Amino acid sequence: MAMSQAREVMDKLTDTMVEGADVDSLLSLYAEDAVVTTPDQGELRGHTQVAEYWRTFVESFSDIGWEPINKLEADDRAVDEGYFVGTNTGVVNAPTGETVPATGKRIKMRECDVATVKDGKIVEHHLYFDEADFARQLGLID
């Protein structure tokens, strides 16, 4: 069975992130009016907000890695479940709006991505991860 366009785009997003993501390369995978929903920043609409989210993320972590658990696809959707790994070497934006200095801690956080792709671009992307686990691994909470 041939790989779906959604799977191809999701794999490209993961590869771009792991290979030392630059925001323009990540953004090129999203439609202009894409909607990204995250546990920490809520709903982000359009290239400006999506770019800012990814910029903060890639500047906060070095040596980003991905350890897959499941890769699924159906129609115009691709789902990745796995572990994000990386070392916190830059400031992190807390959900409260505060910035937290780099902790230098290495994290391994289970997460899931669901992306809907139309005409080769992500139009909707839902990220799921446990914010408390994230904060705990960074040493920000007990």
Protein backbone atom coordinates (compact mmCIF):
# COMPACT_ATOMS: atom_id res chain seq x y z
CA MET A 1 0.00 0.00 0.00
CA ALA A 2 1.36 3.43 -0.93
CA MET A 3 2.18 5.94 1.76
CA SER A 4 -0.45 8.67 2.07
CA GLN A 5 0.31 12.33 1.51
CA ALA A 6 -0.53 12.92 5.19
CA ARG A 7 2.08 10.35 6.26
CA GLU A 8 4.70 11.86 3.94
CA VAL A 9 4.13 15.35 5.37
CA MET A 10 4.11 14.10 8.99
CA ASP A 11 7.37 12.21 8.42
CA LYS A 12 8.90 15.33 6.84
CA LEU A 13 7.84 17.38 9.89
CA THR A 14 9.50 14.86 12.23
CA ASP A 15 12.65 14.64 10.09
CA THR A 16 12.92 18.44 9.92
CA MET A 17 12.58 18.71 13.70
CA VAL A 18 15.19 16.02 14.39
CA GLU A 19 17.65 17.32 11.80
CA GLY A 20 18.00 20.66 13.56
CA ALA A 21 14.77 22.39 12.70
CA ASP A 22 14.73 25.85 11.32
CA VAL A 23 11.38 27.56 11.62
CA ASP A 24 11.05 28.37 7.90
CA SER A 25 11.44 24.70 6.98
CA LEU A 26 8.83 23.69 9.55
CA LEU A 27 6.47 26.46 8.48
CA SER A 28 6.71 25.42 4.81
CA LEU A 29 4.80 22.26 5.78
CA TYR A 30 1.77 24.24 7.05
CA ALA A 31 -1.03 25.94 5.12
CA GLU A 32 -1.19 29.74 5.60
CA ASP A 33 -4.37 29.39 7.66
CA ALA A 34 -3.34 26.24 9.56
CA VAL A 35 -4.68 25.71 13.07
CA VAL A 36 -2.39 24.09 15.64
CA THR A 37 -3.78 23.09 19.04
CA THR A 38 -1.35 22.48 21.92
CA PRO A 39 -1.78 21.73 25.62
CA ASP A 40 0.52 24.59 26.64
CA GLN A 41 -0.48 27.41 24.28
CA GLY A 42 -4.01 26.47 23.22
CA GLU A 43 -5.18 27.20 19.68
CA LEU A 44 -2.73 28.86 17.31
CA ARG A 45 -4.03 30.22 14.00
CA GLY A 46 -2.02 31.01 10.89
CA HIS A 47 1.66 31.17 10.02
CA THR A 48 2.59 33.95 12.46
CA GLN A 49 1.36 32.13 15.57
CA VAL A 50 2.53 28.69 14.37
CA ALA A 51 5.99 30.11 13.57
CA GLU A 52 6.30 31.68 17.02
CA TYR A 53 5.35 28.40 18.75
CA TRP A 54 7.93 26.38 16.80
CA ARG A 55 10.62 29.08 17.13
CA THR A 56 10.32 29.04 20.92
CA PHE A 57 10.29 25.24 20.93
CA VAL A 58 13.36 24.69 18.74
CA GLU A 59 15.28 27.41 20.59
CA SER A 60 14.45 25.76 23.94
CA PHE A 61 15.83 22.30 23.13
CA SER A 62 19.02 21.08 21.52
CA ASP A 63 19.67 17.57 20.22
CA ILE A 64 15.98 16.97 19.53
CA GLY A 65 15.10 13.34 18.94
CA TRP A 66 12.03 11.22 18.33
CA GLU A 67 11.43 7.64 19.44
CA PRO A 68 8.31 6.32 17.68
CA ILE A 69 5.78 4.00 19.31
CA ASN A 70 3.00 4.03 16.69
CA LYS A 71 2.60 5.57 13.24
CA LEU A 72 -0.91 5.50 11.85
CA GLU A 73 -2.57 6.97 8.80
CA ALA A 74 -6.09 7.16 7.46
CA ASP A 75 -7.33 9.24 4.55
CA ASP A 76 -5.98 12.78 5.02
CA ARG A 77 -4.68 12.23 8.58
CA ALA A 78 -1.45 10.94 10.06
CA VAL A 79 -0.92 10.13 13.74
CA ASP A 80 2.43 9.74 15.49
CA GLU A 81 2.72 8.51 19.05
CA GLY A 82 6.13 8.39 20.65
CA TYR A 83 8.71 10.10 22.82
CA PHE A 84 10.13 13.54 22.26
CA VAL A 85 13.68 13.69 23.64
CA GLY A 86 15.93 16.69 23.98
CA THR A 87 18.08 18.77 26.30
CA ASN A 88 16.66 22.06 27.60
CA THR A 89 19.32 24.58 26.57
CA GLY A 90 17.14 27.67 26.08
CA VAL A 91 14.35 29.51 27.85
CA VAL A 92 10.97 27.77 28.03
CA ASN A 93 7.67 29.65 27.77
CA ALA A 94 5.44 28.56 30.61
CA PRO A 95 1.66 28.40 30.03
CA THR A 96 1.36 31.32 32.46
CA GLY A 97 3.27 33.49 29.99
CA GLU A 98 6.40 33.53 32.15
CA THR A 99 9.75 32.50 30.71
CA VAL A 100 11.81 29.94 32.57
CA PRO A 101 15.61 29.88 32.17
CA ALA A 102 17.25 26.81 30.64
CA THR A 103 17.56 23.94 33.11
CA GLY A 104 20.12 21.89 31.19
CA LYS A 105 17.98 18.82 31.89
CA ARG A 106 17.40 16.09 29.33
CA ILE A 107 13.78 15.08 28.95
CA LYS A 108 11.96 12.14 27.43
CA MET A 109 8.30 13.01 27.10
CA ARG A 110 5.56 10.83 25.68
CA GLU A 111 3.43 12.70 23.18
CA CYS A 112 1.08 12.31 20.24
CA ASP A 113 0.58 14.32 17.05
CA VAL A 114 -2.48 14.23 14.81
CA ALA A 115 -2.14 16.12 11.52
CA THR A 116 -4.69 16.68 8.79
CA VAL A 117 -3.14 17.36 5.38
CA LYS A 118 -4.76 18.91 2.31
CA ASP A 119 -2.92 19.72 -0.92
CA GLY A 120 0.43 18.74 0.63
CA LYS A 121 0.17 21.10 3.63
CA ILE A 122 -0.87 20.62 7.24
CA VAL A 123 -4.20 22.38 7.77
CA GLU A 124 -4.84 21.13 11.30
CA HIS A 125 -2.34 19.79 13.86
CA HIS A 126 -3.16 18.63 17.37
CA LEU A 127 -0.27 18.02 19.78
CA TYR A 128 -0.90 16.08 22.98
CA PHE A 129 1.51 15.83 25.91
CA ASP A 130 1.36 15.91 29.69
CA GLU A 131 2.30 19.42 30.82
CA ALA A 132 2.88 18.27 34.42
CA ASP A 133 5.26 15.52 33.25
CA PHE A 134 7.07 18.09 31.10
CA ALA A 135 7.44 20.51 34.05
CA ARG A 136 8.48 17.68 36.40
CA GLN A 137 11.22 16.48 34.04
CA LEU A 138 12.53 20.03 33.75
CA GLY A 139 12.64 20.22 37.58
CA LEU A 140 10.09 23.05 37.67
CA ILE A 141 7.64 21.16 39.93
CA ASP A 142 7.93 18.23 42.36
